């Protein structure tokens, strides 16, 4: 099988009513987290497989725009705790779209003096993520 070298950009990101924020983003990703507990042994299955739960976050790094009353930083501050829809296209040339819902969290404001300030952010995904391939129109659900 040949090597597939997937790279981000140019792409798009929408978050609730906040559109065209991709120019603020220097990093965007969907990140899984696995939580497992031991299964309960029984007489017929003394060594059961672990019970696995996978959760996701929409995460990234943004150039801070705290001066913009309608920017990413202020949107996060005003909408903290709300569940909103997101759509992320990592590369418009590749035509793959990820969509779902996430819970907005406040992000850091400010940082080091006299440099471009970035802030890391992480919003828990609520429910499933849908992946759509524009070339084939295929839709796949990534279960929560």
Foldseek 3Di string as FASTA:
>chain_A
DDDDDDAFDDKWKDWAPRGDQSVFFPWWDKDKDKDWDFDDADPVRRGDDIDIDIWIKIKGKGFDDVVDCRHDQNVLVVQAQDKGKMKIDRYVVQQKIKIAIWGRHHWDDDDDPPDGDMTIDITTTDFWIWIARVVVRDIDIHGD
